[in-house]
Amino acid sequence: MGLVLAQGVSFARLGERVIFLDLRSDRYFGLSSRSEAAFLRLMDGHRPEDADPTRLDGLVREGILEQVSGQGSILPFKPAFPPAASLLDGERLPIGAWRQARAAWALKRSQHELKTRPLYDLVNELSACRSEHDESSNTTEDARRICWAFEAAGLLVTPLRNCLSRSLALAATLRAGGHACELVIGVAINPFQAHAWVQAGDRLLNDRLERVRQFTQILAA
């Protein structure tokens, strides 16, 4: 029997610390020092200590890990495209009142959905409408105008700290228009922080490099 992450659970490794995201319960969490050490030994393929099986069984009971037949594999989330550039550092395109109004409506709807629906469902819906285009950083002019419309509307409709609702709304709008993008969530510690943004390939669409580089990616959808 092997062990794998339970469905809906992902994690990021920050040095010798591990931070988990459980979409099903919409929570970030860490482990006790002993459970964390046992988990790292399992992940790194190191020789387990005597108490490790008991501690890992506890993670199974908590719904963090699950048993599978055969060999299991546990790896931290690894981004396909580490961010290297930002749309916000480029030319600001004119957007018009209609685009900005649509962006404002999408932002308001996203705020409401986060309050009334599980994050797990929202992320799954976003993943289901993934664009068939390559995940490249060559965003079209239409996609860039959408991003600038959300940037303008966000300053009026949602506080900057509402990064998740802003990013969910932008990603859903871009994908509905056939534009490739990913919703990305990252975490940092000391103190703990979580942040969300949207990128296409290695190009950030609604954030800046200096901000995003403070975080280790834990999920992309």
N, C-alpha and C. Protein backbone atom coordinates (compact mmCIF):
# COMPACT_ATOMS: atom_id res chain seq x y z
N MET A 1 0.84 -1.19 0.00
CA MET A 1 0.00 0.00 0.00
C MET A 1 0.88 1.25 0.00
N GLY A 2 0.43 2.25 -0.71
CA GLY A 2 1.15 3.50 -0.75
C GLY A 2 0.27 4.64 -0.27
N LEU A 3 0.84 5.82 -0.16
CA LEU A 3 0.11 6.99 0.29
C LEU A 3 0.20 8.08 -0.77
N VAL A 4 -0.90 8.78 -0.97
CA VAL A 4 -0.96 9.92 -1.87
C VAL A 4 -1.76 11.02 -1.19
N LEU A 5 -1.71 12.22 -1.74
CA LEU A 5 -2.54 13.30 -1.22
C LEU A 5 -4.00 13.00 -1.49
N ALA A 6 -4.85 13.35 -0.55
CA ALA A 6 -6.29 13.19 -0.74
C ALA A 6 -6.77 14.17 -1.80
N GLN A 7 -7.88 13.84 -2.44
CA GLN A 7 -8.43 14.71 -3.47
C GLN A 7 -8.76 16.08 -2.89
N GLY A 8 -8.38 17.11 -3.62
CA GLY A 8 -8.64 18.47 -3.17
C GLY A 8 -7.57 19.05 -2.28
N VAL A 9 -6.53 18.26 -1.96
CA VAL A 9 -5.46 18.72 -1.08
C VAL A 9 -4.19 18.93 -1.91
N SER A 10 -3.54 20.06 -1.71
CA SER A 10 -2.24 20.33 -2.31
C SER A 10 -1.35 20.96 -1.25
N PHE A 11 -0.05 21.02 -1.52
CA PHE A 11 0.83 21.62 -0.52
C PHE A 11 2.03 22.27 -1.17
N ALA A 12 2.63 23.18 -0.44
CA ALA A 12 3.86 23.86 -0.86
C ALA A 12 4.92 23.61 0.20
N ARG A 13 6.13 23.42 -0.25
CA ARG A 13 7.26 23.25 0.67
C ARG A 13 8.06 24.54 0.70
N LEU A 14 8.20 25.09 1.89
CA LEU A 14 8.95 26.32 2.08
C LEU A 14 10.11 25.99 3.02
N GLY A 15 11.22 25.59 2.44
CA GLY A 15 12.34 25.12 3.25
C GLY A 15 11.97 23.81 3.92
N GLU A 16 12.03 23.78 5.24
CA GLU A 16 11.65 22.59 5.99
C GLU A 16 10.26 22.73 6.58
N ARG A 17 9.48 23.64 6.06
CA ARG A 17 8.08 23.79 6.46
C ARG A 17 7.17 23.38 5.31
N VAL A 18 5.99 22.88 5.67
CA VAL A 18 5.00 22.46 4.69
C VAL A 18 3.68 23.15 5.01
N ILE A 19 3.09 23.78 3.99
CA ILE A 19 1.78 24.41 4.13
C ILE A 19 0.82 23.70 3.19
N PHE A 20 -0.34 23.32 3.70
CA PHE A 20 -1.35 22.61 2.92
C PHE A 20 -2.51 23.55 2.59
N LEU A 21 -3.15 23.27 1.45
CA LEU A 21 -4.42 23.89 1.09
C LEU A 21 -5.41 22.76 0.84
N ASP A 22 -6.51 22.79 1.56
CA ASP A 22 -7.60 21.83 1.37
C ASP A 22 -8.77 22.59 0.78
N LEU A 23 -8.98 22.45 -0.53
CA LEU A 23 -10.06 23.17 -1.19
C LEU A 23 -11.43 22.75 -0.69
N ARG A 24 -11.55 21.50 -0.27
CA ARG A 24 -12.86 21.00 0.16
C ARG A 24 -13.36 21.76 1.38
N SER A 25 -12.45 22.10 2.27
CA SER A 25 -12.86 22.84 3.48
C SER A 25 -12.41 24.29 3.44
N ASP A 26 -11.82 24.71 2.31
CA ASP A 26 -11.39 26.09 2.13
C ASP A 26 -10.50 26.55 3.29
N ARG A 27 -9.41 25.80 3.51
CA ARG A 27 -8.52 26.17 4.61
C ARG A 27 -7.06 25.86 4.28
N TYR A 28 -6.20 26.70 4.84
CA TYR A 28 -4.76 26.46 4.83
C TYR A 28 -4.37 25.96 6.21
N PHE A 29 -3.39 25.08 6.27
CA PHE A 29 -2.99 24.59 7.59
C PHE A 29 -1.59 23.99 7.50
N GLY A 30 -0.97 23.87 8.66
CA GLY A 30 0.30 23.18 8.80
C GLY A 30 0.11 21.98 9.71
N LEU A 31 1.19 21.26 9.94
CA LEU A 31 1.16 20.07 10.79
C LEU A 31 1.95 20.32 12.07
N SER A 32 1.74 19.47 13.05
CA SER A 32 2.59 19.51 14.24
C SER A 32 4.02 19.20 13.81
N SER A 33 4.97 19.59 14.60
CA SER A 33 6.38 19.41 14.22
C SER A 33 6.72 17.95 13.95
N ARG A 34 6.18 17.02 14.76
CA ARG A 34 6.50 15.61 14.57
C ARG A 34 5.81 15.03 13.35
N SER A 35 4.57 15.41 13.13
CA SER A 35 3.87 14.93 11.94
C SER A 35 4.50 15.52 10.68
N GLU A 36 4.92 16.77 10.77
CA GLU A 36 5.57 17.41 9.62
C GLU A 36 6.88 16.70 9.29
N ALA A 37 7.65 16.34 10.30
CA ALA A 37 8.91 15.63 10.07
C ALA A 37 8.66 14.26 9.44
N ALA A 38 7.62 13.56 9.91
CA ALA A 38 7.28 12.25 9.33
C ALA A 38 6.84 12.41 7.88
N PHE A 39 6.06 13.45 7.61
CA PHE A 39 5.59 13.70 6.25
C PHE A 39 6.78 13.99 5.32
N LEU A 40 7.73 14.80 5.78
CA LEU A 40 8.90 15.13 4.95
C LEU A 40 9.76 13.90 4.68
N ARG A 41 9.90 13.03 5.69
CA ARG A 41 10.67 11.80 5.46
C ARG A 41 9.98 10.93 4.41
N LEU A 42 8.65 10.86 4.47
CA LEU A 42 7.91 10.10 3.48
C LEU A 42 8.11 10.70 2.09
N MET A 43 7.97 12.02 1.99
CA MET A 43 8.08 12.68 0.70
C MET A 43 9.49 12.53 0.11
N ASP A 44 10.50 12.65 0.95
CA ASP A 44 11.89 12.60 0.48
C ASP A 44 12.42 11.18 0.32
N GLY A 45 11.62 10.19 0.72
CA GLY A 45 12.06 8.80 0.61
C GLY A 45 13.10 8.41 1.63
N HIS A 46 13.13 9.11 2.77
CA HIS A 46 14.10 8.80 3.81
C HIS A 46 13.58 7.67 4.71
N ARG A 47 14.49 7.07 5.42
CA ARG A 47 14.14 5.97 6.32
C ARG A 47 13.18 6.48 7.39
N PRO A 48 12.03 5.83 7.56
CA PRO A 48 11.07 6.31 8.57
C PRO A 48 11.53 6.00 9.98
N GLU A 49 11.11 6.83 10.91
CA GLU A 49 11.34 6.55 12.32
C GLU A 49 10.22 5.64 12.83
N ASP A 50 10.41 5.10 14.02
CA ASP A 50 9.47 4.09 14.54
C ASP A 50 8.05 4.61 14.63
N ALA A 51 7.90 5.89 15.01
CA ALA A 51 6.55 6.43 15.22
C ALA A 51 5.92 6.97 13.95
N ASP A 52 6.65 6.98 12.83
CA ASP A 52 6.13 7.58 11.61
C ASP A 52 4.85 6.91 11.11
N PRO A 53 4.73 5.58 11.07
CA PRO A 53 3.48 4.98 10.58
C PRO A 53 2.25 5.45 11.35
N THR A 54 2.38 5.60 12.66
CA THR A 54 1.24 6.06 13.46
C THR A 54 0.89 7.49 13.10
N ARG A 55 1.90 8.33 12.93
CA ARG A 55 1.64 9.74 12.59
C ARG A 55 1.04 9.85 11.18
N LEU A 56 1.52 9.05 10.25
CA LEU A 56 0.98 9.09 8.89
C LEU A 56 -0.44 8.53 8.85
N ASP A 57 -0.72 7.53 9.67
CA ASP A 57 -2.09 7.02 9.78
C ASP A 57 -3.02 8.13 10.27
N GLY A 58 -2.51 8.97 11.16
CA GLY A 58 -3.31 10.10 11.62
C GLY A 58 -3.64 11.07 10.50
N LEU A 59 -2.69 11.28 9.58
CA LEU A 59 -2.96 12.16 8.44
C LEU A 59 -3.98 11.55 7.50
N VAL A 60 -4.00 10.23 7.42
CA VAL A 60 -5.04 9.55 6.62
C VAL A 60 -6.40 9.76 7.26
N ARG A 61 -6.48 9.58 8.58
CA ARG A 61 -7.76 9.76 9.28
C ARG A 61 -8.26 11.20 9.16
N GLU A 62 -7.34 12.15 9.07
CA GLU A 62 -7.72 13.56 8.96
C GLU A 62 -8.08 13.96 7.53
N GLY A 63 -7.94 13.02 6.59
CA GLY A 63 -8.30 13.32 5.21
C GLY A 63 -7.25 14.08 4.44
N ILE A 64 -6.02 14.09 4.93
CA ILE A 64 -4.92 14.78 4.24
C ILE A 64 -4.25 13.83 3.25
N LEU A 65 -4.08 12.58 3.65
CA LEU A 65 -3.52 11.54 2.80
C LEU A 65 -4.56 10.44 2.61
N GLU A 66 -4.36 9.64 1.58
CA GLU A 66 -5.19 8.45 1.41
C GLU A 66 -4.34 7.31 0.90
N GLN A 67 -4.77 6.11 1.23
CA GLN A 67 -4.03 4.93 0.84
C GLN A 67 -4.44 4.47 -0.56
N VAL A 68 -3.44 3.99 -1.32
CA VAL A 68 -3.69 3.45 -2.65
C VAL A 68 -2.95 2.13 -2.77
N SER A 69 -3.40 1.30 -3.67
CA SER A 69 -2.66 0.07 -3.94
C SER A 69 -1.42 0.41 -4.75
N GLY A 70 -0.35 -0.27 -4.50
CA GLY A 70 0.88 0.00 -5.22
C GLY A 70 1.67 1.12 -4.58
N GLN A 71 2.61 1.67 -5.36
CA GLN A 71 3.52 2.69 -4.84
C GLN A 71 2.87 4.06 -4.91
N GLY A 72 2.88 4.79 -3.82
CA GLY A 72 2.36 6.15 -3.80
C GLY A 72 3.45 7.16 -4.11
N SER A 73 3.06 8.36 -4.44
CA SER A 73 4.00 9.45 -4.72
C SER A 73 3.42 10.74 -4.17
N ILE A 74 4.23 11.47 -3.41
CA ILE A 74 3.78 12.72 -2.82
C ILE A 74 4.79 13.80 -3.16
N LEU A 75 4.33 14.81 -3.89
CA LEU A 75 5.21 15.89 -4.33
C LEU A 75 4.53 17.23 -4.09
N PRO A 76 5.30 18.26 -3.74
CA PRO A 76 4.71 19.59 -3.62
C PRO A 76 4.29 20.10 -4.98
N PHE A 77 3.39 21.07 -4.98
CA PHE A 77 2.96 21.65 -6.24
C PHE A 77 4.16 22.31 -6.93
N LYS A 78 4.28 22.07 -8.23
CA LYS A 78 5.36 22.66 -9.01
C LYS A 78 4.77 23.43 -10.18
N PRO A 79 5.03 24.73 -10.26
CA PRO A 79 4.44 25.52 -11.35
C PRO A 79 5.03 25.15 -12.70
N ALA A 80 4.19 25.11 -13.71
CA ALA A 80 4.68 24.86 -15.07
C ALA A 80 5.44 26.06 -15.60
N PHE A 81 5.01 27.26 -15.18
CA PHE A 81 5.63 28.48 -15.67
C PHE A 81 5.87 29.45 -14.51
N PRO A 82 7.06 29.48 -13.93
CA PRO A 82 7.36 30.51 -12.95
C PRO A 82 7.21 31.89 -13.59
N PRO A 83 6.58 32.84 -12.93
CA PRO A 83 6.34 34.15 -13.55
C PRO A 83 7.65 34.88 -13.87
N ALA A 84 7.67 35.50 -15.05
CA ALA A 84 8.88 36.20 -15.49
C ALA A 84 8.61 37.62 -15.98
N ALA A 85 7.34 37.96 -16.20
CA ALA A 85 7.00 39.30 -16.69
C ALA A 85 5.58 39.61 -16.25
N SER A 86 5.20 40.87 -16.34
CA SER A 86 3.86 41.29 -15.93
C SER A 86 3.23 42.18 -16.99
N LEU A 87 1.98 41.89 -17.30
CA LEU A 87 1.21 42.73 -18.21
C LEU A 87 1.13 44.16 -17.70
N LEU A 88 1.09 44.32 -16.38
CA LEU A 88 0.91 45.65 -15.80
C LEU A 88 2.12 46.55 -16.00
N ASP A 89 3.23 45.96 -16.41
CA ASP A 89 4.41 46.77 -16.72
C ASP A 89 4.44 47.21 -18.18
N GLY A 90 3.44 46.76 -18.95
CA GLY A 90 3.38 47.11 -20.37
C GLY A 90 2.45 48.28 -20.62
N GLU A 91 2.15 48.50 -21.89
CA GLU A 91 1.32 49.61 -22.30
C GLU A 91 -0.12 49.42 -21.82
N ARG A 92 -0.67 50.43 -21.18
CA ARG A 92 -2.08 50.40 -20.77
C ARG A 92 -2.95 50.69 -21.99
N LEU A 93 -3.87 49.79 -22.28
CA LEU A 93 -4.72 49.94 -23.45
C LEU A 93 -6.04 50.61 -23.09
N PRO A 94 -6.62 51.41 -24.00
CA PRO A 94 -7.95 51.96 -23.74
C PRO A 94 -8.98 50.84 -23.68
N ILE A 95 -9.96 50.99 -22.80
CA ILE A 95 -10.88 49.87 -22.58
C ILE A 95 -12.34 50.21 -22.86
N GLY A 96 -12.75 51.44 -22.64
CA GLY A 96 -14.13 51.81 -22.87
C GLY A 96 -15.02 51.48 -21.68
N ALA A 97 -16.14 52.20 -21.57
CA ALA A 97 -17.03 52.05 -20.42
C ALA A 97 -17.70 50.69 -20.39
N TRP A 98 -18.01 50.12 -21.57
CA TRP A 98 -18.72 48.84 -21.62
C TRP A 98 -17.86 47.73 -21.04
N ARG A 99 -16.60 47.65 -21.42
CA ARG A 99 -15.71 46.62 -20.87
C ARG A 99 -15.55 46.79 -19.36
N GLN A 100 -15.40 48.01 -18.92
CA GLN A 100 -15.21 48.23 -17.49
C GLN A 100 -16.47 47.86 -16.71
N ALA A 101 -17.64 48.14 -17.26
CA ALA A 101 -18.89 47.79 -16.58
C ALA A 101 -19.04 46.27 -16.49
N ARG A 102 -18.68 45.55 -17.56
CA ARG A 102 -18.74 44.08 -17.52
C ARG A 102 -17.76 43.53 -16.47
N ALA A 103 -16.60 44.13 -16.40
CA ALA A 103 -15.61 43.68 -15.41
C ALA A 103 -16.12 43.93 -13.99
N ALA A 104 -16.73 45.08 -13.77
CA ALA A 104 -17.26 45.40 -12.44
C ALA A 104 -18.35 44.42 -12.04
N TRP A 105 -19.21 44.07 -12.99
CA TRP A 105 -20.27 43.10 -12.70
C TRP A 105 -19.68 41.74 -12.37
N ALA A 106 -18.67 41.30 -13.12
CA ALA A 106 -18.03 40.01 -12.86
C ALA A 106 -17.35 40.00 -11.50
N LEU A 107 -16.76 41.11 -11.11
CA LEU A 107 -16.11 41.18 -9.80
C LEU A 107 -17.14 41.08 -8.67
N LYS A 108 -18.25 41.76 -8.81
CA LYS A 108 -19.30 41.68 -7.80
C LYS A 108 -19.86 40.27 -7.70
N ARG A 109 -20.08 39.63 -8.84
CA ARG A 109 -20.59 38.26 -8.83
C ARG A 109 -19.60 37.31 -8.17
N SER A 110 -18.32 37.49 -8.44
CA SER A 110 -17.30 36.63 -7.85
C SER A 110 -17.28 36.78 -6.33
N GLN A 111 -17.39 38.01 -5.84
CA GLN A 111 -17.44 38.24 -4.40
C GLN A 111 -18.62 37.49 -3.78
N HIS A 112 -19.77 37.57 -4.43
CA HIS A 112 -20.96 36.90 -3.90
C HIS A 112 -20.78 35.38 -3.91
N GLU A 113 -20.24 34.85 -5.00
CA GLU A 113 -20.08 33.40 -5.09
C GLU A 113 -19.12 32.86 -4.03
N LEU A 114 -18.07 33.60 -3.73
CA LEU A 114 -17.14 33.15 -2.70
C LEU A 114 -17.80 33.10 -1.33
N LYS A 115 -18.80 33.91 -1.13
CA LYS A 115 -19.51 33.92 0.15
C LYS A 115 -20.57 32.83 0.23
N THR A 116 -21.05 32.38 -0.91
CA THR A 116 -22.21 31.48 -0.91
C THR A 116 -21.93 30.09 -1.46
N ARG A 117 -20.76 29.88 -2.06
CA ARG A 117 -20.46 28.59 -2.67
C ARG A 117 -19.09 28.10 -2.22
N PRO A 118 -18.88 26.78 -2.17
CA PRO A 118 -17.57 26.25 -1.78
C PRO A 118 -16.50 26.61 -2.81
N LEU A 119 -15.32 26.95 -2.32
CA LEU A 119 -14.21 27.25 -3.21
C LEU A 119 -13.88 26.06 -4.10
N TYR A 120 -14.04 24.86 -3.56
CA TYR A 120 -13.77 23.64 -4.33
C TYR A 120 -14.61 23.61 -5.61
N ASP A 121 -15.88 23.97 -5.51
CA ASP A 121 -16.76 23.98 -6.68
C ASP A 121 -16.35 25.05 -7.67
N LEU A 122 -15.99 26.23 -7.18
CA LEU A 122 -15.61 27.33 -8.07
C LEU A 122 -14.34 27.00 -8.84
N VAL A 123 -13.37 26.40 -8.17
CA VAL A 123 -12.12 26.03 -8.84
C VAL A 123 -12.36 24.92 -9.85
N ASN A 124 -13.20 23.95 -9.50
CA ASN A 124 -13.51 22.87 -10.45
C ASN A 124 -14.23 23.40 -11.68
N GLU A 125 -15.13 24.34 -11.50
CA GLU A 125 -15.82 24.94 -12.64
C GLU A 125 -14.85 25.68 -13.54
N LEU A 126 -13.92 26.39 -12.93
CA LEU A 126 -12.91 27.11 -13.70
C LEU A 126 -12.04 26.12 -14.48
N SER A 127 -11.65 25.04 -13.84
CA SER A 127 -10.82 24.04 -14.51
C SER A 127 -11.56 23.39 -15.67
N ALA A 128 -12.87 23.24 -15.54
CA ALA A 128 -13.66 22.58 -16.58
C ALA A 128 -13.75 23.41 -17.84
N CYS A 129 -13.57 24.73 -17.72
CA CYS A 129 -13.65 25.58 -18.92
C CYS A 129 -12.27 26.04 -19.36
N ARG A 130 -11.26 25.22 -19.06
CA ARG A 130 -9.89 25.54 -19.49
C ARG A 130 -9.83 25.70 -21.01
N SER A 131 -9.11 26.73 -21.43
CA SER A 131 -8.98 26.99 -22.86
C SER A 131 -8.19 25.88 -23.54
N GLU A 132 -8.54 25.61 -24.79
CA GLU A 132 -7.80 24.63 -25.56
C GLU A 132 -6.51 25.21 -26.13
N HIS A 133 -6.32 26.52 -26.00
CA HIS A 133 -5.11 27.15 -26.50
C HIS A 133 -3.93 26.78 -25.62
N ASP A 134 -2.73 26.90 -26.17
CA ASP A 134 -1.52 26.67 -25.38
C ASP A 134 -1.44 27.70 -24.28
N GLU A 135 -0.88 27.27 -23.13
CA GLU A 135 -0.70 28.19 -22.01
C GLU A 135 0.55 29.03 -22.27
N SER A 136 0.45 29.97 -23.18
CA SER A 136 1.60 30.80 -23.54
C SER A 136 1.42 32.20 -22.98
N SER A 137 2.50 32.98 -23.05
CA SER A 137 2.45 34.36 -22.56
C SER A 137 2.08 35.33 -23.68
N ASN A 138 1.74 34.83 -24.88
CA ASN A 138 1.40 35.69 -26.01
C ASN A 138 -0.08 36.04 -25.95
N THR A 139 -0.44 36.87 -24.99
CA THR A 139 -1.83 37.26 -24.83
C THR A 139 -2.26 38.16 -25.99
N THR A 140 -3.47 37.96 -26.47
CA THR A 140 -3.98 38.75 -27.58
C THR A 140 -4.35 40.14 -27.09
N GLU A 141 -4.60 41.03 -28.04
CA GLU A 141 -5.00 42.39 -27.67
C GLU A 141 -6.32 42.37 -26.92
N ASP A 142 -7.25 41.51 -27.35
CA ASP A 142 -8.54 41.41 -26.65
C ASP A 142 -8.34 40.98 -25.20
N ALA A 143 -7.48 39.99 -24.97
CA ALA A 143 -7.20 39.54 -23.61
C ALA A 143 -6.56 40.66 -22.78
N ARG A 144 -5.66 41.39 -23.40
CA ARG A 144 -5.02 42.50 -22.65
C ARG A 144 -6.04 43.57 -22.29
N ARG A 145 -6.97 43.85 -23.16
CA ARG A 145 -8.00 44.85 -22.85
C ARG A 145 -8.89 44.35 -21.70
N ILE A 146 -9.20 43.06 -21.71
CA ILE A 146 -9.99 42.51 -20.60
C ILE A 146 -9.24 42.71 -19.28
N CYS A 147 -7.95 42.41 -19.29
CA CYS A 147 -7.16 42.55 -18.06
C CYS A 147 -7.12 43.99 -17.58
N TRP A 148 -6.95 44.93 -18.49
CA TRP A 148 -6.92 46.33 -18.09
C TRP A 148 -8.29 46.80 -17.61
N ALA A 149 -9.36 46.24 -18.18
CA ALA A 149 -10.70 46.59 -17.71
C ALA A 149 -10.90 46.13 -16.27
N PHE A 150 -10.41 44.92 -15.95
CA PHE A 150 -10.51 44.43 -14.58
C PHE A 150 -9.63 45.24 -13.64
N GLU A 151 -8.48 45.66 -14.11
CA GLU A 151 -7.60 46.48 -13.28
C GLU A 151 -8.29 47.79 -12.91
N ALA A 152 -8.94 48.41 -13.89
CA ALA A 152 -9.64 49.67 -13.64
C ALA A 152 -10.87 49.47 -12.76
N ALA A 153 -11.66 48.43 -13.06
CA ALA A 153 -12.87 48.18 -12.28
C ALA A 153 -12.55 47.76 -10.87
N GLY A 154 -11.47 46.99 -10.69
CA GLY A 154 -11.11 46.51 -9.36
C GLY A 154 -10.80 47.64 -8.39
N LEU A 155 -10.25 48.72 -8.89
CA LEU A 155 -9.94 49.85 -8.03
C LEU A 155 -11.21 50.49 -7.47
N LEU A 156 -12.33 50.31 -8.17
CA LEU A 156 -13.59 50.91 -7.75
C LEU A 156 -14.49 49.93 -7.00
N VAL A 157 -14.40 48.63 -7.34
CA VAL A 157 -15.39 47.66 -6.86
C VAL A 157 -14.89 46.84 -5.68
N THR A 158 -13.64 46.37 -5.72
CA THR A 158 -13.15 45.45 -4.69
C THR A 158 -11.85 45.95 -4.09
N PRO A 159 -11.68 45.78 -2.78
CA PRO A 159 -10.39 46.12 -2.17
C PRO A 159 -9.28 45.24 -2.75
N LEU A 160 -8.06 45.77 -2.76
CA LEU A 160 -6.93 45.02 -3.29
C LEU A 160 -6.72 43.70 -2.56
N ARG A 161 -7.10 43.65 -1.26
CA ARG A 161 -6.89 42.42 -0.50
C ARG A 161 -7.80 41.28 -0.96
N ASN A 162 -8.83 41.62 -1.73
CA ASN A 162 -9.74 40.58 -2.23
C ASN A 162 -9.15 39.95 -3.49
N CYS A 163 -7.91 39.48 -3.37
CA CYS A 163 -7.21 38.98 -4.55
C CYS A 163 -7.85 37.73 -5.12
N LEU A 164 -8.45 36.89 -4.28
CA LEU A 164 -9.04 35.65 -4.78
C LEU A 164 -10.27 35.92 -5.62
N SER A 165 -11.18 36.75 -5.14
CA SER A 165 -12.38 37.04 -5.92
C SER A 165 -12.02 37.77 -7.21
N ARG A 166 -11.05 38.68 -7.14
CA ARG A 166 -10.61 39.40 -8.34
C ARG A 166 -10.02 38.44 -9.37
N SER A 167 -9.21 37.50 -8.89
CA SER A 167 -8.53 36.59 -9.81
C SER A 167 -9.48 35.54 -10.38
N LEU A 168 -10.39 35.04 -9.55
CA LEU A 168 -11.40 34.11 -10.07
C LEU A 168 -12.24 34.76 -11.17
N ALA A 169 -12.63 36.01 -10.94
CA ALA A 169 -13.46 36.70 -11.93
C ALA A 169 -12.70 36.92 -13.23
N LEU A 170 -11.45 37.35 -13.13
CA LEU A 170 -10.66 37.60 -14.35
C LEU A 170 -10.41 36.30 -15.10
N ALA A 171 -10.01 35.25 -14.38
CA ALA A 171 -9.72 33.98 -15.05
C ALA A 171 -10.96 33.42 -15.75
N ALA A 172 -12.11 33.49 -15.09
CA ALA A 172 -13.35 32.98 -15.69
C ALA A 172 -13.72 33.78 -16.93
N THR A 173 -13.55 35.09 -16.89
CA THR A 173 -13.89 35.93 -18.03
C THR A 173 -12.96 35.65 -19.21
N LEU A 174 -11.67 35.54 -18.92
CA LEU A 174 -10.71 35.25 -19.99
C LEU A 174 -11.00 33.90 -20.64
N ARG A 175 -11.25 32.89 -19.83
CA ARG A 175 -11.50 31.56 -20.40
C ARG A 175 -12.81 31.52 -21.17
N ALA A 176 -13.81 32.26 -20.69
CA ALA A 176 -15.07 32.31 -21.43
C ALA A 176 -14.87 32.92 -22.82
N GLY A 177 -13.86 33.79 -22.94
CA GLY A 177 -13.54 34.39 -24.23
C GLY A 177 -12.55 33.58 -25.04
N GLY A 178 -12.17 32.39 -24.54
CA GLY A 178 -11.25 31.53 -25.28
C GLY A 178 -9.80 31.86 -25.09
N HIS A 179 -9.47 32.63 -24.04
CA HIS A 179 -8.08 33.03 -23.80
C HIS A 179 -7.44 32.12 -22.74
N ALA A 180 -6.24 31.68 -23.01
CA ALA A 180 -5.52 30.81 -22.08
C ALA A 180 -5.05 31.58 -20.87
N CYS A 181 -5.27 31.00 -19.68
CA CYS A 181 -4.78 31.61 -18.45
C CYS A 181 -4.89 30.58 -17.33
N GLU A 182 -4.28 30.89 -16.20
CA GLU A 182 -4.40 30.05 -15.02
C GLU A 182 -4.62 30.91 -13.79
N LEU A 183 -5.50 30.45 -12.93
CA LEU A 183 -5.62 31.00 -11.59
C LEU A 183 -4.53 30.34 -10.74
N VAL A 184 -3.72 31.14 -10.06
CA VAL A 184 -2.62 30.63 -9.26
C VAL A 184 -2.78 31.13 -7.82
N ILE A 185 -2.53 30.24 -6.87
CA ILE A 185 -2.54 30.60 -5.45
C ILE A 185 -1.16 30.29 -4.88
N GLY A 186 -0.64 31.22 -4.11
CA GLY A 186 0.65 31.05 -3.47
C GLY A 186 0.58 31.34 -1.99
N VAL A 187 1.57 30.87 -1.24
CA VAL A 187 1.60 31.07 0.21
C VAL A 187 2.99 31.53 0.63
N ALA A 188 3.03 32.17 1.79
CA ALA A 188 4.29 32.59 2.41
C ALA A 188 4.14 32.41 3.91
N ILE A 189 5.24 32.34 4.62
CA ILE A 189 5.21 32.17 6.07
C ILE A 189 6.03 33.26 6.75
N ASN A 190 5.83 33.34 8.08
CA ASN A 190 6.56 34.29 8.94
C ASN A 190 6.37 35.76 8.53
N PRO A 191 5.13 36.27 8.57
CA PRO A 191 3.89 35.59 8.97
C PRO A 191 3.24 34.87 7.79
N PHE A 192 2.25 34.01 8.10
CA PHE A 192 1.56 33.30 7.04
C PHE A 192 0.74 34.28 6.21
N GLN A 193 0.83 34.12 4.89
CA GLN A 193 0.03 34.89 3.94
C GLN A 193 -0.36 33.99 2.78
N ALA A 194 -1.50 34.26 2.18
CA ALA A 194 -1.90 33.60 0.95
C ALA A 194 -2.27 34.68 -0.06
N HIS A 195 -2.02 34.38 -1.31
CA HIS A 195 -2.26 35.37 -2.36
C HIS A 195 -2.68 34.65 -3.63
N ALA A 196 -3.52 35.29 -4.44
CA ALA A 196 -3.99 34.71 -5.69
C ALA A 196 -3.75 35.69 -6.83
N TRP A 197 -3.45 35.14 -8.01
CA TRP A 197 -3.26 35.98 -9.18
C TRP A 197 -3.58 35.15 -10.42
N VAL A 198 -3.53 35.80 -11.58
CA VAL A 198 -3.79 35.13 -12.85
C VAL A 198 -2.57 35.31 -13.75
N GLN A 199 -2.19 34.25 -14.45
CA GLN A 199 -1.10 34.37 -15.39
C GLN A 199 -1.38 33.54 -16.64
N ALA A 200 -0.74 33.92 -17.73
CA ALA A 200 -0.78 33.18 -18.99
C ALA A 200 0.65 32.82 -19.32
N GLY A 201 0.96 31.54 -19.32
CA GLY A 201 2.35 31.14 -19.44
C GLY A 201 3.14 31.72 -18.28
N ASP A 202 4.22 32.42 -18.57
CA ASP A 202 5.03 33.02 -17.50
C ASP A 202 4.72 34.51 -17.31
N ARG A 203 3.59 34.96 -17.86
CA ARG A 203 3.26 36.39 -17.80
C ARG A 203 2.11 36.64 -16.84
N LEU A 204 2.36 37.44 -15.83
CA LEU A 204 1.32 37.84 -14.88
C LEU A 204 0.33 38.76 -15.58
N LEU A 205 -0.95 38.57 -15.28
CA LEU A 205 -1.98 39.37 -15.93
C LEU A 205 -2.64 40.39 -15.00
N ASN A 206 -2.54 40.20 -13.70
CA ASN A 206 -3.20 41.15 -12.79
C ASN A 206 -2.36 41.41 -11.54
N ASP A 207 -1.07 41.26 -11.65
CA ASP A 207 -0.20 41.49 -10.50
C ASP A 207 1.20 41.82 -11.00
N ARG A 208 2.06 42.16 -10.07
CA ARG A 208 3.43 42.53 -10.43
C ARG A 208 4.43 41.52 -9.86
N LEU A 209 5.55 41.40 -10.55
CA LEU A 209 6.55 40.40 -10.19
C LEU A 209 7.03 40.56 -8.75
N GLU A 210 7.28 41.79 -8.32
CA GLU A 210 7.84 41.98 -6.99
C GLU A 210 6.88 41.50 -5.90
N ARG A 211 5.60 41.53 -6.16
CA ARG A 211 4.61 41.04 -5.21
C ARG A 211 4.53 39.52 -5.24
N VAL A 212 4.38 38.96 -6.43
CA VAL A 212 4.17 37.52 -6.58
C VAL A 212 5.38 36.72 -6.15
N ARG A 213 6.57 37.25 -6.34
CA ARG A 213 7.78 36.51 -5.99
C ARG A 213 7.96 36.32 -4.48
N GLN A 214 7.10 36.93 -3.69
CA GLN A 214 7.13 36.70 -2.24
C GLN A 214 6.45 35.39 -1.86
N PHE A 215 5.80 34.73 -2.82
CA PHE A 215 4.96 33.58 -2.52
C PHE A 215 5.46 32.34 -3.25
N THR A 216 5.24 31.18 -2.60
CA THR A 216 5.50 29.88 -3.20
C THR A 216 4.17 29.31 -3.69
N GLN A 217 4.12 28.92 -4.94
CA GLN A 217 2.86 28.46 -5.51
C GLN A 217 2.41 27.15 -4.86
N ILE A 218 1.11 27.07 -4.57
CA ILE A 218 0.54 25.88 -3.95
C ILE A 218 -0.55 25.25 -4.81
N LEU A 219 -1.07 26.02 -5.79
CA LEU A 219 -2.15 25.50 -6.63
C LEU A 219 -2.25 26.35 -7.89
N ALA A 220 -2.56 25.70 -9.01
CA ALA A 220 -2.92 26.39 -10.24
C ALA A 220 -4.11 25.65 -10.85
N ALA A 221 -5.05 26.41 -11.37
CA ALA A 221 -6.26 25.80 -11.94
C ALA A 221 -6.64 26.49 -13.24
